[in-house]
PDB file of N, CA and C in Angstrom:
ATOM      1  N   MET A   1     -32.546  10.148   5.700  1.00  0.00           N
ATOM      2  CA  MET A   1     -31.197   9.632   5.846  1.00  0.00           C
ATOM      3  C   MET A   1     -31.058   8.361   5.003  1.00  0.00           C
ATOM      4  N   THR A   2     -29.879   8.173   4.483  1.00  0.00           N
ATOM      5  CA  THR A   2     -29.602   7.017   3.640  1.00  0.00           C
ATOM      6  C   THR A   2     -28.382   6.269   4.165  1.00  0.00           C
ATOM      7  N   GLU A   3     -28.492   4.960   4.199  1.00  0.00           N
ATOM      8  CA  GLU A   3     -27.335   4.131   4.558  1.00  0.00           C
ATOM      9  C   GLU A   3     -26.586   3.832   3.270  1.00  0.00           C
ATOM     10  N   ILE A   4     -25.356   4.314   3.171  1.00  0.00           N
ATOM     11  CA  ILE A   4     -24.560   4.204   1.953  1.00  0.00           C
ATOM     12  C   ILE A   4     -23.592   3.035   2.090  1.00  0.00           C
ATOM     13  N   SER A   5     -23.578   2.176   1.060  1.00  0.00           N
ATOM     14  CA  SER A   5     -22.721   0.991   1.100  1.00  0.00           C
ATOM     15  C   SER A   5     -21.643   0.995   0.017  1.00  0.00           C
ATOM     16  N   ALA A   6     -21.855   1.747  -1.069  1.00  0.00           N
ATOM     17  CA  ALA A   6     -20.884   1.748  -2.167  1.00  0.00           C
ATOM     18  C   ALA A   6     -21.062   2.998  -3.015  1.00  0.00           C
ATOM     19  N   VAL A   7     -20.044   3.304  -3.806  1.00  0.00           N
ATOM     20  CA  VAL A   7     -20.124   4.384  -4.788  1.00  0.00           C
ATOM     21  C   VAL A   7     -19.543   3.863  -6.101  1.00  0.00           C
ATOM     22  N   GLU A   8     -20.012   4.428  -7.178  1.00  0.00           N
ATOM     23  CA  GLU A   8     -19.475   4.092  -8.500  1.00  0.00           C
ATOM     24  C   GLU A   8     -19.115   5.390  -9.183  1.00  0.00           C
ATOM     25  N   GLU A   9     -17.939   5.434  -9.788  1.00  0.00           N
ATOM     26  CA  GLU A   9     -17.519   6.652 -10.466  1.00  0.00           C
ATOM     27  C   GLU A   9     -17.062   6.340 -11.877  1.00  0.00           C
ATOM     28  N   GLN A  10     -17.114   7.359 -12.709  1.00  0.00           N
ATOM     29  CA  GLN A  10     -16.732   7.231 -14.107  1.00  0.00           C
ATOM     30  C   GLN A  10     -16.154   8.568 -14.551  1.00  0.00           C
ATOM     31  N   SER A  11     -15.084   8.534 -15.320  1.00  0.00           N
ATOM     32  CA  SER A  11     -14.516   9.789 -15.824  1.00  0.00           C
ATOM     33  C   SER A  11     -15.418  10.331 -16.926  1.00  0.00           C
ATOM     34  N   TYR A  12     -15.325  11.628 -17.146  1.00  0.00           N
ATOM     35  CA  TYR A  12     -16.110  12.257 -18.202  1.00  0.00           C
ATOM     36  C   TYR A  12     -15.549  11.882 -19.569  1.00  0.00           C
ATOM     37  N   SER A  13     -14.240  11.869 -19.683  1.00  0.00           N
ATOM     38  CA  SER A  13     -13.571  11.479 -20.930  1.00  0.00           C
ATOM     39  C   SER A  13     -12.130  11.095 -20.590  1.00  0.00           C
ATOM     40  N   SER A  14     -11.337  10.789 -21.606  1.00  0.00           N
ATOM     41  CA  SER A  14      -9.946  10.430 -21.352  1.00  0.00           C
ATOM     42  C   SER A  14      -9.098  11.653 -20.998  1.00  0.00           C
ATOM     43  N   TYR A  15      -9.667  12.850 -21.100  1.00  0.00           N
ATOM     44  CA  TYR A  15      -8.971  14.078 -20.720  1.00  0.00           C
ATOM     45  C   TYR A  15      -9.443  14.608 -19.369  1.00  0.00           C
ATOM     46  N   TYR A  16     -10.743  14.508 -19.122  1.00  0.00           N
ATOM     47  CA  TYR A  16     -11.340  14.997 -17.878  1.00  0.00           C
ATOM     48  C   TYR A  16     -11.599  13.808 -16.961  1.00  0.00           C
ATOM     49  N   TYR A  17     -10.739  13.626 -15.969  1.00  0.00           N
ATOM     50  CA  TYR A  17     -10.870  12.476 -15.078  1.00  0.00           C
ATOM     51  C   TYR A  17     -10.282  12.809 -13.709  1.00  0.00           C
ATOM     52  N   VAL A  18     -10.547  11.941 -12.747  1.00  0.00           N
ATOM     53  CA  VAL A  18      -9.995  12.048 -11.399  1.00  0.00           C
ATOM     54  C   VAL A  18      -9.249  10.744 -11.123  1.00  0.00           C
ATOM     55  N   ASN A  19      -7.970  10.844 -10.769  1.00  0.00           N
ATOM     56  CA  ASN A  19      -7.161   9.655 -10.463  1.00  0.00           C
ATOM     57  C   ASN A  19      -7.492   9.074  -9.104  1.00  0.00           C
ATOM     58  N   SER A  20      -7.705   9.941  -8.109  1.00  0.00           N
ATOM     59  CA  SER A  20      -7.992   9.476  -6.752  1.00  0.00           C
ATOM     60  C   SER A  20      -8.807  10.531  -6.015  1.00  0.00           C
ATOM     61  N   PHE A  21      -9.550  10.078  -5.001  1.00  0.00           N
ATOM     62  CA  PHE A  21     -10.420  11.003  -4.274  1.00  0.00           C
ATOM     63  C   PHE A  21     -10.722  10.466  -2.882  1.00  0.00           C
ATOM     64  N   TYR A  22     -11.128  11.364  -2.006  1.00  0.00           N
ATOM     65  CA  TYR A  22     -11.656  11.026  -0.685  1.00  0.00           C
ATOM     66  C   TYR A  22     -13.158  11.242  -0.720  1.00  0.00           C
ATOM     67  N   ILE A  23     -13.855  10.647   0.230  1.00  0.00           N
ATOM     68  CA  ILE A  23     -15.299  10.858   0.388  1.00  0.00           C
ATOM     69  C   ILE A  23     -15.559  11.293   1.823  1.00  0.00           C
ATOM     70  N   SER A  24     -16.387  12.319   1.988  1.00  0.00           N
ATOM     71  CA  SER A  24     -16.830  12.710   3.323  1.00  0.00           C
ATOM     72  C   SER A  24     -18.354  12.741   3.325  1.00  0.00           C
ATOM     73  N   TYR A  25     -18.939  12.630   4.509  1.00  0.00           N
ATOM     74  CA  TYR A  25     -20.399  12.548   4.630  1.00  0.00           C
ATOM     75  C   TYR A  25     -20.863  13.316   5.860  1.00  0.00           C
ATOM     76  N   SER A  26     -22.151  13.681   5.845  1.00  0.00           N
ATOM     77  CA  SER A  26     -22.703  14.470   6.936  1.00  0.00           C
ATOM     78  C   SER A  26     -24.199  14.216   7.064  1.00  0.00           C
ATOM     79  N   ALA A  27     -24.702  14.344   8.264  1.00  0.00           N
ATOM     80  CA  ALA A  27     -26.134  14.243   8.501  1.00  0.00           C
ATOM     81  C   ALA A  27     -26.800  15.615   8.417  1.00  0.00           C
ATOM     82  N   ASP A  28     -26.050  16.680   8.758  1.00  0.00           N
ATOM     83  CA  ASP A  28     -26.640  18.023   8.809  1.00  0.00           C
ATOM     84  C   ASP A  28     -26.124  18.975   7.734  1.00  0.00           C
ATOM     85  N   GLY A  29     -25.112  18.591   6.962  1.00  0.00           N
ATOM     86  CA  GLY A  29     -24.565  19.454   5.927  1.00  0.00           C
ATOM     87  C   GLY A  29     -23.563  20.467   6.448  1.00  0.00           C
ATOM     88  N   LYS A  30     -23.295  20.440   7.743  1.00  0.00           N
ATOM     89  CA  LYS A  30     -22.345  21.382   8.346  1.00  0.00           C
ATOM     90  C   LYS A  30     -21.100  20.684   8.862  1.00  0.00           C
ATOM     91  N   THR A  31     -21.284  19.566   9.533  1.00  0.00           N
ATOM     92  CA  THR A  31     -20.175  18.812  10.102  1.00  0.00           C
ATOM     93  C   THR A  31     -19.963  17.547   9.281  1.00  0.00           C
ATOM     94  N   PHE A  32     -18.815  17.473   8.605  1.00  0.00           N
ATOM     95  CA  PHE A  32     -18.525  16.330   7.745  1.00  0.00           C
ATOM     96  C   PHE A  32     -17.482  15.432   8.370  1.00  0.00           C
ATOM     97  N   GLN A  33     -17.631  14.132   8.141  1.00  0.00           N
ATOM     98  CA  GLN A  33     -16.659  13.135   8.571  1.00  0.00           C
ATOM     99  C   GLN A  33     -16.133  12.432   7.334  1.00  0.00           C
ATOM    100  N   ASN A  34     -14.873  12.055   7.369  1.00  0.00           N
ATOM    101  CA  ASN A  34     -14.266  11.349   6.233  1.00  0.00           C
ATOM    102  C   ASN A  34     -14.501   9.857   6.351  1.00  0.00           C
ATOM    103  N   ILE A  35     -14.563   9.194   5.198  1.00  0.00           N
ATOM    104  CA  ILE A  35     -14.568   7.734   5.183  1.00  0.00           C
ATOM    105  C   ILE A  35     -13.129   7.301   5.449  1.00  0.00           C
ATOM    106  N   ASN A  36     -12.936   6.523   6.486  1.00  0.00           N
ATOM    107  CA  ASN A  36     -11.614   6.024   6.857  1.00  0.00           C
ATOM    108  C   ASN A  36     -11.470   4.573   6.413  1.00  0.00           C
ATOM    109  N   THR A  37     -10.272   4.030   6.542  1.00  0.00           N
ATOM    110  CA  THR A  37     -10.032   2.646   6.119  1.00  0.00           C
ATOM    111  C   THR A  37     -10.829   1.652   6.958  1.00  0.00           C
ATOM    112  N   SER A  38     -11.189   2.037   8.188  1.00  0.00           N
ATOM    113  CA  SER A  38     -12.069   1.233   9.035  1.00  0.00           C
ATOM    114  C   SER A  38     -12.746   2.178  10.023  1.00  0.00           C
ATOM    115  N   PRO A  39     -13.853   1.766  10.632  1.00  0.00           N
ATOM    116  CA  PRO A  39     -14.546   2.685  11.542  1.00  0.00           C
ATOM    117  C   PRO A  39     -13.743   3.045  12.781  1.00  0.00           C
ATOM    118  N   ILE A  40     -12.727   2.256  13.122  1.00  0.00           N
ATOM    119  CA  ILE A  40     -11.943   2.567  14.321  1.00  0.00           C
ATOM    120  C   ILE A  40     -10.637   3.307  14.012  1.00  0.00           C
ATOM    121  N   SER A  41     -10.209   3.335  12.763  1.00  0.00           N
ATOM    122  CA  SER A  41      -8.974   4.052  12.403  1.00  0.00           C
ATOM    123  C   SER A  41      -9.338   5.458  11.930  1.00  0.00           C
ATOM    124  N   LYS A  42      -9.530   6.353  12.857  1.00  0.00           N
ATOM    125  CA  LYS A  42     -10.010   7.705  12.556  1.00  0.00           C
ATOM    126  C   LYS A  42      -8.987   8.569  11.827  1.00  0.00           C
ATOM    127  N   ASN A  43      -7.706   8.205  11.841  1.00  0.00           N
ATOM    128  CA  ASN A  43      -6.682   9.040  11.228  1.00  0.00           C
ATOM    129  C   ASN A  43      -6.204   8.542   9.875  1.00  0.00           C
ATOM    130  N   VAL A  44      -6.759   7.431   9.388  1.00  0.00           N
ATOM    131  CA  VAL A  44      -6.311   6.868   8.116  1.00  0.00           C
ATOM    132  C   VAL A  44      -7.458   6.969   7.105  1.00  0.00           C
ATOM    133  N   LEU A  45      -7.388   7.981   6.239  1.00  0.00           N
ATOM    134  CA  LEU A  45      -8.453   8.209   5.262  1.00  0.00           C
ATOM    135  C   LEU A  45      -8.417   7.151   4.166  1.00  0.00           C
ATOM    136  N   GLN A  46      -9.589   6.728   3.727  1.00  0.00           N
ATOM    137  CA  GLN A  46      -9.688   5.780   2.618  1.00  0.00           C
ATOM    138  C   GLN A  46      -9.462   6.539   1.319  1.00  0.00           C
ATOM    139  N   ASN A  47      -8.430   6.172   0.581  1.00  0.00           N
ATOM    140  CA  ASN A  47      -8.122   6.787  -0.701  1.00  0.00           C
ATOM    141  C   ASN A  47      -8.754   5.927  -1.786  1.00  0.00           C
ATOM    142  N   PHE A  48      -9.736   6.487  -2.498  1.00  0.00           N
ATOM    143  CA  PHE A  48     -10.419   5.751  -3.565  1.00  0.00           C
ATOM    144  C   PHE A  48      -9.726   6.049  -4.886  1.00  0.00           C
ATOM    145  N   ARG A  49      -9.479   4.998  -5.662  1.00  0.00           N
ATOM    146  CA  ARG A  49      -8.816   5.145  -6.957  1.00  0.00           C
ATOM    147  C   ARG A  49      -9.856   5.417  -8.034  1.00  0.00           C
ATOM    148  N   GLY A  50      -9.619   6.463  -8.813  1.00  0.00           N
ATOM    149  CA  GLY A  50     -10.505   6.812  -9.914  1.00  0.00           C
ATOM    150  C   GLY A  50     -10.135   6.041 -11.167  1.00  0.00           C
ATOM    151  N   THR A  51     -10.701   6.469 -12.268  1.00  0.00           N
ATOM    152  CA  THR A  51     -10.414   5.829 -13.549  1.00  0.00           C
ATOM    153  C   THR A  51     -10.133   6.894 -14.598  1.00  0.00           C
ATOM    154  N   THR A  52      -9.221   6.603 -15.514  1.00  0.00           N
ATOM    155  CA  THR A  52      -8.883   7.552 -16.574  1.00  0.00           C
ATOM    156  C   THR A  52      -9.609   7.215 -17.877  1.00  0.00           C
ATOM    157  N   SER A  53     -10.410   6.177 -17.855  1.00  0.00           N
ATOM    158  CA  SER A  53     -11.169   5.806 -19.056  1.00  0.00           C
ATOM    159  C   SER A  53     -12.645   6.086 -18.791  1.00  0.00           C
ATOM    160  N   GLU A  54     -13.459   5.862 -19.785  1.00  0.00           N
ATOM    161  CA  GLU A  54     -14.889   6.088 -19.619  1.00  0.00           C
ATOM    162  C   GLU A  54     -15.606   4.869 -19.041  1.00  0.00           C
ATOM    163  N   LEU A  55     -14.839   3.881 -18.586  1.00  0.00           N
ATOM    164  CA  LEU A  55     -15.427   2.730 -17.909  1.00  0.00           C
ATOM    165  C   LEU A  55     -15.726   3.111 -16.463  1.00  0.00           C
ATOM    166  N   SER A  56     -16.787   2.553 -15.909  1.00  0.00           N
ATOM    167  CA  SER A  56     -17.111   2.869 -14.520  1.00  0.00           C
ATOM    168  C   SER A  56     -16.320   1.979 -13.570  1.00  0.00           C
ATOM    169  N   ASN A  57     -16.203   2.434 -12.345  1.00  0.00           N
ATOM    170  CA  ASN A  57     -15.423   1.744 -11.330  1.00  0.00           C
ATOM    171  C   ASN A  57     -16.217   1.776 -10.029  1.00  0.00           C
ATOM    172  N   LYS A  58     -16.654   0.620  -9.537  1.00  0.00           N
ATOM    173  CA  LYS A  58     -17.451   0.562  -8.314  1.00  0.00           C
ATOM    174  C   LYS A  58     -16.557   0.310  -7.111  1.00  0.00           C
ATOM    175  N   HIS A  59     -16.818   1.047  -6.021  1.00  0.00           N
ATOM    176  CA  HIS A  59     -16.061   0.923  -4.778  1.00  0.00           C
ATOM    177  C   HIS A  59     -17.020   0.590  -3.643  1.00  0.00           C
ATOM    178  N   ASN A  60     -16.854  -0.559  -3.026  1.00  0.00           N
ATOM    179  CA  ASN A  60     -17.596  -0.851  -1.803  1.00  0.00           C
ATOM    180  C   ASN A  60     -16.919  -0.105  -0.668  1.00  0.00           C
ATOM    181  N   LEU A  61     -17.701   0.550   0.155  1.00  0.00           N
ATOM    182  CA  LEU A  61     -17.123   1.274   1.281  1.00  0.00           C
ATOM    183  C   LEU A  61     -16.608   0.277   2.316  1.00  0.00           C
ATOM    184  N   PRO A  62     -15.566   0.632   3.081  1.00  0.00           N
ATOM    185  CA  PRO A  62     -15.054  -0.286   4.092  1.00  0.00           C
ATOM    186  C   PRO A  62     -16.082  -0.578   5.188  1.00  0.00           C
ATOM    187  N   TYR A  63     -17.054   0.319   5.356  1.00  0.00           N
ATOM    188  CA  TYR A  63     -18.155   0.153   6.313  1.00  0.00           C
ATOM    189  C   TYR A  63     -19.296   1.048   5.842  1.00  0.00           C
ATOM    190  N   HIS A  64     -20.516   0.716   6.202  1.00  0.00           N
ATOM    191  CA  HIS A  64     -21.672   1.509   5.797  1.00  0.00           C
ATOM    192  C   HIS A  64     -21.744   2.776   6.639  1.00  0.00           C
ATOM    193  N   VAL A  65     -22.182   3.867   6.009  1.00  0.00           N
ATOM    194  CA  VAL A  65     -22.380   5.122   6.728  1.00  0.00           C
ATOM    195  C   VAL A  65     -23.812   5.601   6.502  1.00  0.00           C
ATOM    196  N   THR A  66     -24.367   6.268   7.484  1.00  0.00           N
ATOM    197  CA  THR A  66     -25.697   6.850   7.367  1.00  0.00           C
ATOM    198  C   THR A  66     -25.523   8.344   7.183  1.00  0.00           C
ATOM    199  N   SER A  67     -26.099   8.872   6.105  1.00  0.00           N
ATOM    200  CA  SER A  67     -25.811  10.244   5.737  1.00  0.00           C
ATOM    201  C   SER A  67     -26.950  10.861   4.942  1.00  0.00           C
ATOM    202  N   ARG A  68     -26.940  12.178   4.890  1.00  0.00           N
ATOM    203  CA  ARG A  68     -27.850  12.924   4.026  1.00  0.00           C
ATOM    204  C   ARG A  68     -27.067  13.688   2.963  1.00  0.00           C
ATOM    205  N   PHE A  69     -25.815  14.040   3.280  1.00  0.00           N
ATOM    206  CA  PHE A  69     -24.959  14.793   2.375  1.00  0.00           C
ATOM    207  C   PHE A  69     -23.660  14.025   2.144  1.00  0.00           C
ATOM    208  N   VAL A  70     -23.160  14.064   0.898  1.00  0.00           N
ATOM    209  CA  VAL A  70     -21.919  13.368   0.549  1.00  0.00           C
ATOM    210  C   VAL A  70     -21.061  14.318  -0.285  1.00  0.00           C
ATOM    211  N   ARG A  71     -19.770  14.355   0.028  1.00  0.00           N
ATOM    212  CA  ARG A  71     -18.810  15.140  -0.750  1.00  0.00           C
ATOM    213  C   ARG A  71     -17.762  14.213  -1.342  1.00  0.00           C
ATOM    214  N   PHE A  72     -17.438  14.445  -2.596  1.00  0.00           N
ATOM    215  CA  PHE A  72     -16.342  13.747  -3.257  1.00  0.00           C
ATOM    216  C   PHE A  72     -15.213  14.764  -3.403  1.00  0.00           C
ATOM    217  N   LEU A  73     -14.064  14.469  -2.810  1.00  0.00           N
ATOM    218  CA  LEU A  73     -12.950  15.408  -2.756  1.00  0.00           C
ATOM    219  C   LEU A  73     -11.798  14.909  -3.627  1.00  0.00           C
ATOM    220  N   PRO A  74     -11.659  15.441  -4.857  1.00  0.00           N
ATOM    221  CA  PRO A  74     -10.597  14.989  -5.754  1.00  0.00           C
ATOM    222  C   PRO A  74      -9.209  15.262  -5.171  1.00  0.00           C
ATOM    223  N   LEU A  75      -8.327  14.276  -5.273  1.00  0.00           N
ATOM    224  CA  LEU A  75      -6.943  14.417  -4.819  1.00  0.00           C
ATOM    225  C   LEU A  75      -5.992  14.641  -5.987  1.00  0.00           C
ATOM    226  N   SER A  76      -6.191  13.900  -7.070  1.00  0.00           N
ATOM    227  CA  SER A  76      -5.319  14.039  -8.242  1.00  0.00           C
ATOM    228  C   SER A  76      -6.149  13.869  -9.509  1.00  0.00           C
ATOM    229  N   TRP A  77      -5.751  14.586 -10.549  1.00  0.00           N
ATOM    230  CA  TRP A  77      -6.467  14.560 -11.822  1.00  0.00           C
ATOM    231  C   TRP A  77      -5.526  15.056 -12.919  1.00  0.00           C
ATOM    232  N   ASN A  78      -5.971  15.025 -14.147  1.00  0.00           N
ATOM    233  CA  ASN A  78      -5.199  15.538 -15.273  1.00  0.00           C
ATOM    234  C   ASN A  78      -5.085  17.053 -15.096  1.00  0.00           C
ATOM    235  N   LYS A  79      -3.906  17.555 -14.733  1.00  0.00           N
ATOM    236  CA  LYS A  79      -3.725  18.963 -14.376  1.00  0.00           C
ATOM    237  C   LYS A  79      -3.897  19.911 -15.562  1.00  0.00           C
ATOM    238  N   THR A  80      -3.902  19.387 -16.779  1.00  0.00           N
ATOM    239  CA  THR A  80      -4.136  20.225 -17.952  1.00  0.00           C
ATOM    240  C   THR A  80      -5.599  20.662 -18.018  1.00  0.00           C
ATOM    241  N   TYR A  81      -6.483  19.869 -17.429  1.00  0.00           N
ATOM    242  CA  TYR A  81      -7.919  20.130 -17.472  1.00  0.00           C
ATOM    243  C   TYR A  81      -8.463  20.190 -16.047  1.00  0.00           C
ATOM    244  N   PHE A  82      -9.748  20.382 -15.928  1.00  0.00           N
ATOM    245  CA  PHE A  82     -10.397  20.411 -14.626  1.00  0.00           C
ATOM    246  C   PHE A  82     -10.778  18.993 -14.195  1.00  0.00           C
ATOM    247  N   PRO A  83     -10.853  18.730 -12.880  1.00  0.00           N
ATOM    248  CA  PRO A  83     -11.319  17.406 -12.442  1.00  0.00           C
ATOM    249  C   PRO A  83     -12.796  17.239 -12.775  1.00  0.00           C
ATOM    250  N   CYS A  84     -13.140  16.083 -13.297  1.00  0.00           N
ATOM    251  CA  CYS A  84     -14.529  15.831 -13.668  1.00  0.00           C
ATOM    252  C   CYS A  84     -14.808  14.339 -13.530  1.00  0.00           C
ATOM    253  N   MET A  85     -15.908  14.011 -12.872  1.00  0.00           N
ATOM    254  CA  MET A  85     -16.289  12.611 -12.727  1.00  0.00           C
ATOM    255  C   MET A  85     -17.789  12.515 -12.504  1.00  0.00           C
ATOM    256  N   LYS A  86     -18.361  11.422 -12.970  1.00  0.00           N
ATOM    257  CA  LYS A  86     -19.761  11.108 -12.708  1.00  0.00           C
ATOM    258  C   LYS A  86     -19.791  10.129 -11.546  1.00  0.00           C
ATOM    259  N   VAL A  87     -20.761  10.285 -10.662  1.00  0.00           N
ATOM    260  CA  VAL A  87     -20.828   9.389  -9.510  1.00  0.00           C
ATOM    261  C   VAL A  87     -22.237   8.833  -9.337  1.00  0.00           C
ATOM    262  N   GLU A  88     -22.294   7.657  -8.761  1.00  0.00           N
ATOM    263  CA  GLU A  88     -23.553   7.043  -8.360  1.00  0.00           C
ATOM    264  C   GLU A  88     -23.344   6.513  -6.954  1.00  0.00           C
ATOM    265  N   ILE A  89     -24.322   6.737  -6.105  1.00  0.00           N
ATOM    266  CA  ILE A  89     -24.235   6.319  -4.709  1.00  0.00           C
ATOM    267  C   ILE A  89     -25.207   5.169  -4.491  1.00  0.00           C
ATOM    268  N   TYR A  90     -24.719   4.071  -3.893  1.00  0.00           N
ATOM    269  CA  TYR A  90     -25.551   2.897  -3.617  1.00  0.00           C
ATOM    270  C   TYR A  90     -25.884   2.863  -2.136  1.00  0.00           C
ATOM    271  N   GLY A  91     -27.146   2.638  -1.846  1.00  0.00           N
ATOM    272  CA  GLY A  91     -27.579   2.541  -0.455  1.00  0.00           C
ATOM    273  C   GLY A  91     -29.069   2.359  -0.380  1.00  0.00           C
ATOM    274  N   CYS A  92     -29.599   2.514   0.808  1.00  0.00           N
ATOM    275  CA  CYS A  92     -31.028   2.400   0.997  1.00  0.00           C
ATOM    276  C   CYS A  92     -31.481   3.456   2.002  1.00  0.00           C
ATOM    277  N   VAL A  93     -32.677   3.968   1.769  1.00  0.00           N
ATOM    278  CA  VAL A  93     -33.241   5.010   2.619  1.00  0.00           C
ATOM    279  C   VAL A  93     -33.666   4.391   3.943  1.00  0.00           C
ATOM    280  N   ARG A  94     -33.281   5.055   5.006  1.00  0.00           N
ATOM    281  CA  ARG A  94     -33.668   4.636   6.354  1.00  0.00           C
ATOM    282  C   ARG A  94     -34.688   5.619   6.894  1.00  0.00           C
ATOM    283  N   ASN A  95     -35.812   5.100   7.389  1.00  0.00           N
ATOM    284  CA  ASN A  95     -36.811   5.972   7.992  1.00  0.00           C
ATOM    285  C   ASN A  95     -36.324   6.401   9.365  1.00  0.00           C
ATOM    286  N   THR A  96     -36.281   7.712   9.543  1.00  0.00           N
ATOM    287  CA  THR A  96     -35.880   8.240  10.841  1.00  0.00           C
ATOM    288  C   THR A  96     -37.010   9.097  11.366  1.00  0.00           C
ATOM    289  N   PRO A  97     -37.269   9.067  12.651  1.00  0.00           N
ATOM    290  CA  PRO A  97     -38.343   9.890  13.198  1.00  0.00           C
ATOM    291  C   PRO A  97     -37.995  11.364  13.091  1.00  0.00           C
ATOM    292  N   PRO A  98     -39.005  12.228  12.913  1.00  0.00           N
ATOM    293  CA  PRO A  98     -38.717  13.661  12.826  1.00  0.00           C
ATOM    294  C   PRO A  98     -38.129  14.176  14.130  1.00  0.00           C
ATOM    295  N   ALA A  99     -37.250  15.162  14.006  1.00  0.00           N
ATOM    296  CA  ALA A  99     -36.581  15.723  15.198  1.00  0.00           C
ATOM    297  C   ALA A  99     -37.506  16.626  15.975  1.00  0.00           C
TER     298      ALA A  99
END
């Protein structure tokens, strides 16, 4: 399991990019939870802004999450092309006892 504190994204090119996206995470790969604007506001999803240039854009999460699986869910992109983005996840591995 990894405690995730931030993500960094970068468009593939000025044609292939993602304008905005959501992030969801899971410990088992079956049940996913969305990153919300705060840990207590369960109905307000955090909308992350992408970039249309090849410059990277780092996003600190509103709160740290512990996860094994992460999904990036594109919301808007250049509709002439497919959504494409490079991502990097920042965090640290947490030792958890075997189940």
